[in-house]
Amino acid sequence: MLNSEREQIKVWLVDDEEPFRVVLDAAINQSETVKCTKCLSNAKQLLESLRKEAAPHVILLDIHMPGMSGVEVI
């Protein structure tokens, strides 16, 4: 079992549907080993965050978003 925050798997969640983000964030954060450390509502926010911060271990990315799709981001 992992004990410290440094050992946790960090996840960023990107989805334009706020109710889905809230529920998924809460579900992920129930885990002792996986933590959602950032919730974003669009691809532009994701790209800006990736330029400014270290990338997480995992990015859960919605494919169908207005503006720039998840496929375009990848």
PDB file of N, CA and C in Angstrom:
ATOM      1  N   MET A   1       0.836  -1.182   0.000  1.00  0.00           N
ATOM      2  CA  MET A   1       0.000   0.000   0.000  1.00  0.00           C
ATOM      3  C   MET A   1       0.884   1.250   0.000  1.00  0.00           C
ATOM      4  N   LEU A   2       0.511   2.231  -0.780  1.00  0.00           N
ATOM      5  CA  LEU A   2       1.263   3.474  -0.853  1.00  0.00           C
ATOM      6  C   LEU A   2       0.857   4.385   0.304  1.00  0.00           C
ATOM      7  N   ASN A   3       1.839   5.033   0.916  1.00  0.00           N
ATOM      8  CA  ASN A   3       1.539   5.842   2.088  1.00  0.00           C
ATOM      9  C   ASN A   3       1.587   7.342   1.855  1.00  0.00           C
ATOM     10  N   SER A   4       2.419   7.818   0.989  1.00  0.00           N
ATOM     11  CA  SER A   4       2.569   9.265   0.848  1.00  0.00           C
ATOM     12  C   SER A   4       1.938   9.767  -0.442  1.00  0.00           C
ATOM     13  N   GLU A   5       1.616  11.060  -0.450  1.00  0.00           N
ATOM     14  CA  GLU A   5       1.032  11.670  -1.641  1.00  0.00           C
ATOM     15  C   GLU A   5       1.988  11.574  -2.820  1.00  0.00           C
ATOM     16  N   ARG A   6       3.288  11.643  -2.547  1.00  0.00           N
ATOM     17  CA  ARG A   6       4.274  11.584  -3.617  1.00  0.00           C
ATOM     18  C   ARG A   6       4.202  10.246  -4.371  1.00  0.00           C
ATOM     19  N   GLU A   7       3.783   9.198  -3.706  1.00  0.00           N
ATOM     20  CA  GLU A   7       3.723   7.883  -4.331  1.00  0.00           C
ATOM     21  C   GLU A   7       2.393   7.627  -5.039  1.00  0.00           C
ATOM     22  N   GLN A   8       1.451   8.545  -4.926  1.00  0.00           N
ATOM     23  CA  GLN A   8       0.149   8.352  -5.532  1.00  0.00           C
ATOM     24  C   GLN A   8       0.208   8.581  -7.039  1.00  0.00           C
ATOM     25  N   ILE A   9      -0.682   7.902  -7.731  1.00  0.00           N
ATOM     26  CA  ILE A   9      -0.836   8.109  -9.167  1.00  0.00           C
ATOM     27  C   ILE A   9      -1.680   9.364  -9.345  1.00  0.00           C
ATOM     28  N   LYS A  10      -1.122  10.357 -10.023  1.00  0.00           N
ATOM     29  CA  LYS A  10      -1.821  11.631 -10.218  1.00  0.00           C
ATOM     30  C   LYS A  10      -2.568  11.615 -11.550  1.00  0.00           C
ATOM     31  N   VAL A  11      -3.836  12.009 -11.486  1.00  0.00           N
ATOM     32  CA  VAL A  11      -4.726  12.002 -12.639  1.00  0.00           C
ATOM     33  C   VAL A  11      -5.277  13.403 -12.862  1.00  0.00           C
ATOM     34  N   TRP A  12      -5.318  13.814 -14.122  1.00  0.00           N
ATOM     35  CA  TRP A  12      -6.038  15.020 -14.516  1.00  0.00           C
ATOM     36  C   TRP A  12      -7.253  14.566 -15.318  1.00  0.00           C
ATOM     37  N   LEU A  13      -8.360  15.208 -15.066  1.00  0.00           N
ATOM     38  CA  LEU A  13      -9.616  14.886 -15.735  1.00  0.00           C
ATOM     39  C   LEU A  13     -10.028  16.062 -16.612  1.00  0.00           C
ATOM     40  N   VAL A  14     -10.302  15.785 -17.888  1.00  0.00           N
ATOM     41  CA  VAL A  14     -10.703  16.835 -18.829  1.00  0.00           C
ATOM     42  C   VAL A  14     -12.029  16.420 -19.469  1.00  0.00           C
ATOM     43  N   ASP A  15     -13.079  17.164 -19.143  1.00  0.00           N
ATOM     44  CA  ASP A  15     -14.407  16.875 -19.691  1.00  0.00           C
ATOM     45  C   ASP A  15     -15.238  18.140 -19.623  1.00  0.00           C
ATOM     46  N   ASP A  16     -16.017  18.413 -20.650  1.00  0.00           N
ATOM     47  CA  ASP A  16     -16.812  19.632 -20.689  1.00  0.00           C
ATOM     48  C   ASP A  16     -18.097  19.540 -19.871  1.00  0.00           C
ATOM     49  N   GLU A  17     -18.468  18.357 -19.421  1.00  0.00           N
ATOM     50  CA  GLU A  17     -19.690  18.171 -18.637  1.00  0.00           C
ATOM     51  C   GLU A  17     -19.366  18.227 -17.139  1.00  0.00           C
ATOM     52  N   GLU A  18     -19.713  19.339 -16.500  1.00  0.00           N
ATOM     53  CA  GLU A  18     -19.364  19.518 -15.091  1.00  0.00           C
ATOM     54  C   GLU A  18     -19.917  18.427 -14.169  1.00  0.00           C
ATOM     55  N   PRO A  19     -21.184  18.024 -14.304  1.00  0.00           N
ATOM     56  CA  PRO A  19     -21.687  16.976 -13.401  1.00  0.00           C
ATOM     57  C   PRO A  19     -20.856  15.680 -13.509  1.00  0.00           C
ATOM     58  N   PHE A  20     -20.450  15.327 -14.711  1.00  0.00           N
ATOM     59  CA  PHE A  20     -19.628  14.136 -14.897  1.00  0.00           C
ATOM     60  C   PHE A  20     -18.267  14.315 -14.238  1.00  0.00           C
ATOM     61  N   ARG A  21     -17.650  15.484 -14.399  1.00  0.00           N
ATOM     62  CA  ARG A  21     -16.344  15.760 -13.776  1.00  0.00           C
ATOM     63  C   ARG A  21     -16.434  15.628 -12.263  1.00  0.00           C
ATOM     64  N   VAL A  22     -17.475  16.190 -11.686  1.00  0.00           N
ATOM     65  CA  VAL A  22     -17.633  16.169 -10.230  1.00  0.00           C
ATOM     66  C   VAL A  22     -17.754  14.738  -9.717  1.00  0.00           C
ATOM     67  N   VAL A  23     -18.590  13.948 -10.368  1.00  0.00           N
ATOM     68  CA  VAL A  23     -18.797  12.565  -9.937  1.00  0.00           C
ATOM     69  C   VAL A  23     -17.538  11.729 -10.135  1.00  0.00           C
ATOM     70  N   LEU A  24     -16.900  11.863 -11.289  1.00  0.00           N
ATOM     71  CA  LEU A  24     -15.702  11.076 -11.554  1.00  0.00           C
ATOM     72  C   LEU A  24     -14.552  11.489 -10.637  1.00  0.00           C
ATOM     73  N   ASP A  25     -14.409  12.780 -10.389  1.00  0.00           N
ATOM     74  CA  ASP A  25     -13.393  13.270  -9.458  1.00  0.00           C
ATOM     75  C   ASP A  25     -13.594  12.638  -8.075  1.00  0.00           C
ATOM     76  N   ALA A  26     -14.817  12.644  -7.593  1.00  0.00           N
ATOM     77  CA  ALA A  26     -15.114  12.063  -6.279  1.00  0.00           C
ATOM     78  C   ALA A  26     -14.832  10.560  -6.260  1.00  0.00           C
ATOM     79  N   ALA A  27     -15.185   9.878  -7.335  1.00  0.00           N
ATOM     80  CA  ALA A  27     -14.948   8.433  -7.401  1.00  0.00           C
ATOM     81  C   ALA A  27     -13.454   8.116  -7.405  1.00  0.00           C
ATOM     82  N   ILE A  28     -12.692   8.847  -8.199  1.00  0.00           N
ATOM     83  CA  ILE A  28     -11.245   8.616  -8.272  1.00  0.00           C
ATOM     84  C   ILE A  28     -10.606   8.877  -6.909  1.00  0.00           C
ATOM     85  N   ASN A  29     -11.037   9.927  -6.245  1.00  0.00           N
ATOM     86  CA  ASN A  29     -10.418  10.310  -4.980  1.00  0.00           C
ATOM     87  C   ASN A  29     -10.808   9.419  -3.803  1.00  0.00           C
ATOM     88  N   GLN A  30     -11.649   8.451  -4.042  1.00  0.00           N
ATOM     89  CA  GLN A  30     -11.949   7.437  -3.022  1.00  0.00           C
ATOM     90  C   GLN A  30     -10.769   6.488  -2.842  1.00  0.00           C
ATOM     91  N   SER A  31      -9.926   6.419  -3.831  1.00  0.00           N
ATOM     92  CA  SER A  31      -8.773   5.516  -3.816  1.00  0.00           C
ATOM     93  C   SER A  31      -7.661   6.079  -2.940  1.00  0.00           C
ATOM     94  N   GLU A  32      -6.907   5.195  -2.318  1.00  0.00           N
ATOM     95  CA  GLU A  32      -5.740   5.612  -1.554  1.00  0.00           C
ATOM     96  C   GLU A  32      -4.517   5.786  -2.449  1.00  0.00           C
ATOM     97  N   THR A  33      -4.548   5.198  -3.626  1.00  0.00           N
ATOM     98  CA  THR A  33      -3.362   5.204  -4.490  1.00  0.00           C
ATOM     99  C   THR A  33      -3.503   6.077  -5.735  1.00  0.00           C
ATOM    100  N   VAL A  34      -4.709   6.512  -6.033  1.00  0.00           N
ATOM    101  CA  VAL A  34      -4.953   7.341  -7.216  1.00  0.00           C
ATOM    102  C   VAL A  34      -5.663   8.611  -6.762  1.00  0.00           C
ATOM    103  N   LYS A  35      -5.173   9.776  -7.206  1.00  0.00           N
ATOM    104  CA  LYS A  35      -5.793  11.051  -6.845  1.00  0.00           C
ATOM    105  C   LYS A  35      -5.979  11.917  -8.081  1.00  0.00           C
ATOM    106  N   CYS A  36      -7.176  12.451  -8.214  1.00  0.00           N
ATOM    107  CA  CYS A  36      -7.445  13.426  -9.265  1.00  0.00           C
ATOM    108  C   CYS A  36      -6.962  14.770  -8.743  1.00  0.00           C
ATOM    109  N   THR A  37      -5.903  15.274  -9.328  1.00  0.00           N
ATOM    110  CA  THR A  37      -5.292  16.502  -8.831  1.00  0.00           C
ATOM    111  C   THR A  37      -5.700  17.739  -9.624  1.00  0.00           C
ATOM    112  N   LYS A  38      -6.404  17.536 -10.737  1.00  0.00           N
ATOM    113  CA  LYS A  38      -6.839  18.683 -11.543  1.00  0.00           C
ATOM    114  C   LYS A  38      -8.031  18.265 -12.390  1.00  0.00           C
ATOM    115  N   CYS A  39      -9.074  19.113 -12.379  1.00  0.00           N
ATOM    116  CA  CYS A  39     -10.244  18.927 -13.238  1.00  0.00           C
ATOM    117  C   CYS A  39     -10.330  20.131 -14.166  1.00  0.00           C
ATOM    118  N   LEU A  40     -10.413  19.856 -15.448  1.00  0.00           N
ATOM    119  CA  LEU A  40     -10.449  20.912 -16.454  1.00  0.00           C
ATOM    120  C   LEU A  40     -11.670  20.722 -17.343  1.00  0.00           C
ATOM    121  N   SER A  41     -12.169  21.839 -17.902  1.00  0.00           N
ATOM    122  CA  SER A  41     -13.401  21.751 -18.682  1.00  0.00           C
ATOM    123  C   SER A  41     -13.193  21.770 -20.190  1.00  0.00           C
ATOM    124  N   ASN A  42     -11.935  21.988 -20.641  1.00  0.00           N
ATOM    125  CA  ASN A  42     -11.732  21.981 -22.089  1.00  0.00           C
ATOM    126  C   ASN A  42     -10.260  21.729 -22.443  1.00  0.00           C
ATOM    127  N   ALA A  43     -10.031  21.493 -23.697  1.00  0.00           N
ATOM    128  CA  ALA A  43      -8.690  21.156 -24.185  1.00  0.00           C
ATOM    129  C   ALA A  43      -7.724  22.326 -24.051  1.00  0.00           C
ATOM    130  N   LYS A  44      -8.219  23.544 -24.230  1.00  0.00           N
ATOM    131  CA  LYS A  44      -7.348  24.720 -24.103  1.00  0.00           C
ATOM    132  C   LYS A  44      -6.771  24.808 -22.697  1.00  0.00           C
ATOM    133  N   GLN A  45      -7.607  24.581 -21.690  1.00  0.00           N
ATOM    134  CA  GLN A  45      -7.121  24.591 -20.305  1.00  0.00           C
ATOM    135  C   GLN A  45      -6.073  23.506 -20.087  1.00  0.00           C
ATOM    136  N   LEU A  46      -6.288  22.354 -20.677  1.00  0.00           N
ATOM    137  CA  LEU A  46      -5.329  21.265 -20.548  1.00  0.00           C
ATOM    138  C   LEU A  46      -3.978  21.664 -21.126  1.00  0.00           C
ATOM    139  N   LEU A  47      -3.981  22.182 -22.327  1.00  0.00           N
ATOM    140  CA  LEU A  47      -2.723  22.557 -22.976  1.00  0.00           C
ATOM    141  C   LEU A  47      -1.994  23.647 -22.192  1.00  0.00           C
ATOM    142  N   GLU A  48      -2.748  24.612 -21.661  1.00  0.00           N
ATOM    143  CA  GLU A  48      -2.135  25.670 -20.844  1.00  0.00           C
ATOM    144  C   GLU A  48      -1.512  25.081 -19.578  1.00  0.00           C
ATOM    145  N   SER A  49      -2.218  24.167 -18.947  1.00  0.00           N
ATOM    146  CA  SER A  49      -1.703  23.538 -17.726  1.00  0.00           C
ATOM    147  C   SER A  49      -0.461  22.708 -18.007  1.00  0.00           C
ATOM    148  N   LEU A  50      -0.450  22.002 -19.136  1.00  0.00           N
ATOM    149  CA  LEU A  50       0.708  21.182 -19.482  1.00  0.00           C
ATOM    150  C   LEU A  50       1.939  22.043 -19.758  1.00  0.00           C
ATOM    151  N   ARG A  51       1.735  23.260 -20.239  1.00  0.00           N
ATOM    152  CA  ARG A  51       2.863  24.177 -20.482  1.00  0.00           C
ATOM    153  C   ARG A  51       3.442  24.708 -19.176  1.00  0.00           C
ATOM    154  N   LYS A  52       2.601  24.834 -18.148  1.00  0.00           N
ATOM    155  CA  LYS A  52       3.012  25.467 -16.900  1.00  0.00           C
ATOM    156  C   LYS A  52       3.430  24.487 -15.802  1.00  0.00           C
ATOM    157  N   GLU A  53       2.942  23.260 -15.868  1.00  0.00           N
ATOM    158  CA  GLU A  53       3.130  22.315 -14.770  1.00  0.00           C
ATOM    159  C   GLU A  53       3.670  20.983 -15.289  1.00  0.00           C
ATOM    160  N   ALA A  54       4.186  20.215 -14.362  1.00  0.00           N
ATOM    161  CA  ALA A  54       4.599  18.850 -14.704  1.00  0.00           C
ATOM    162  C   ALA A  54       3.350  18.036 -15.029  1.00  0.00           C
ATOM    163  N   ALA A  55       3.457  17.222 -16.049  1.00  0.00           N
ATOM    164  CA  ALA A  55       2.322  16.391 -16.465  1.00  0.00           C
ATOM    165  C   ALA A  55       2.015  15.348 -15.394  1.00  0.00           C
ATOM    166  N   PRO A  56       0.732  14.984 -15.274  1.00  0.00           N
ATOM    167  CA  PRO A  56       0.368  13.927 -14.334  1.00  0.00           C
ATOM    168  C   PRO A  56       0.752  12.564 -14.912  1.00  0.00           C
ATOM    169  N   HIS A  57       0.539  11.530 -14.139  1.00  0.00           N
ATOM    170  CA  HIS A  57       0.784  10.180 -14.627  1.00  0.00           C
ATOM    171  C   HIS A  57      -0.248   9.775 -15.676  1.00  0.00           C
ATOM    172  N   VAL A  58      -1.507  10.241 -15.476  1.00  0.00           N
ATOM    173  CA  VAL A  58      -2.628   9.847 -16.343  1.00  0.00           C
ATOM    174  C   VAL A  58      -3.484  11.080 -16.651  1.00  0.00           C
ATOM    175  N   ILE A  59      -3.946  11.182 -17.895  1.00  0.00           N
ATOM    176  CA  ILE A  59      -4.924  12.200 -18.268  1.00  0.00           C
ATOM    177  C   ILE A  59      -6.151  11.470 -18.806  1.00  0.00           C
ATOM    178  N   LEU A  60      -7.284  11.668 -18.145  1.00  0.00           N
ATOM    179  CA  LEU A  60      -8.553  11.127 -18.631  1.00  0.00           C
ATOM    180  C   LEU A  60      -9.182  12.226 -19.468  1.00  0.00           C
ATOM    181  N   LEU A  61      -9.292  11.991 -20.757  1.00  0.00           N
ATOM    182  CA  LEU A  61      -9.642  13.031 -21.713  1.00  0.00           C
ATOM    183  C   LEU A  61     -10.894  12.668 -22.496  1.00  0.00           C
ATOM    184  N   ASP A  62     -11.887  13.544 -22.422  1.00  0.00           N
ATOM    185  CA  ASP A  62     -13.112  13.390 -23.205  1.00  0.00           C
ATOM    186  C   ASP A  62     -12.771  13.566 -24.681  1.00  0.00           C
ATOM    187  N   ILE A  63     -13.300  12.720 -25.515  1.00  0.00           N
ATOM    188  CA  ILE A  63     -13.024  12.811 -26.954  1.00  0.00           C
ATOM    189  C   ILE A  63     -13.909  13.863 -27.605  1.00  0.00           C
ATOM    190  N   HIS A  64     -15.173  13.966 -27.170  1.00  0.00           N
ATOM    191  CA  HIS A  64     -16.135  14.885 -27.798  1.00  0.00           C
ATOM    192  C   HIS A  64     -16.318  16.131 -26.944  1.00  0.00           C
ATOM    193  N   MET A  65     -15.512  17.151 -27.211  1.00  0.00           N
ATOM    194  CA  MET A  65     -15.631  18.434 -26.523  1.00  0.00           C
ATOM    195  C   MET A  65     -15.779  19.528 -27.563  1.00  0.00           C
ATOM    196  N   PRO A  66     -16.501  20.587 -27.225  1.00  0.00           N
ATOM    197  CA  PRO A  66     -16.604  21.718 -28.147  1.00  0.00           C
ATOM    198  C   PRO A  66     -15.256  22.415 -28.279  1.00  0.00           C
ATOM    199  N   GLY A  67     -15.071  23.085 -29.390  1.00  0.00           N
ATOM    200  CA  GLY A  67     -13.790  23.752 -29.636  1.00  0.00           C
ATOM    201  C   GLY A  67     -12.792  22.757 -30.172  1.00  0.00           C
ATOM    202  N   MET A  68     -11.912  22.304 -29.319  1.00  0.00           N
ATOM    203  CA  MET A  68     -10.889  21.323 -29.708  1.00  0.00           C
ATOM    204  C   MET A  68     -11.251  19.978 -29.078  1.00  0.00           C
ATOM    205  N   SER A  69     -11.374  18.962 -29.876  1.00  0.00           N
ATOM    206  CA  SER A  69     -11.741  17.639 -29.363  1.00  0.00           C
ATOM    207  C   SER A  69     -10.547  16.974 -28.685  1.00  0.00           C
ATOM    208  N   GLY A  70     -10.823  15.953 -27.913  1.00  0.00           N
ATOM    209  CA  GLY A  70      -9.769  15.181 -27.280  1.00  0.00           C
ATOM    210  C   GLY A  70      -8.831  14.555 -28.300  1.00  0.00           C
ATOM    211  N   VAL A  71      -9.371  14.156 -29.437  1.00  0.00           N
ATOM    212  CA  VAL A  71      -8.557  13.558 -30.500  1.00  0.00           C
ATOM    213  C   VAL A  71      -7.562  14.598 -31.034  1.00  0.00           C
ATOM    214  N   GLU A  72      -8.005  15.830 -31.220  1.00  0.00           N
ATOM    215  CA  GLU A  72      -7.113  16.887 -31.678  1.00  0.00           C
ATOM    216  C   GLU A  72      -6.007  17.160 -30.670  1.00  0.00           C
ATOM    217  N   VAL A  73      -6.324  17.101 -29.403  1.00  0.00           N
ATOM    218  CA  VAL A  73      -5.314  17.337 -28.366  1.00  0.00           C
ATOM    219  C   VAL A  73      -4.234  16.275 -28.424  1.00  0.00           C
ATOM    220  N   ILE A  74      -4.653  15.051 -28.572  1.00  0.00           N
ATOM    221  CA  ILE A  74      -3.685  13.944 -28.640  1.00  0.00           C
ATOM    222  C   ILE A  74      -2.807  14.094 -29.858  1.00  0.00           C
TER     223      ILE A  74
END
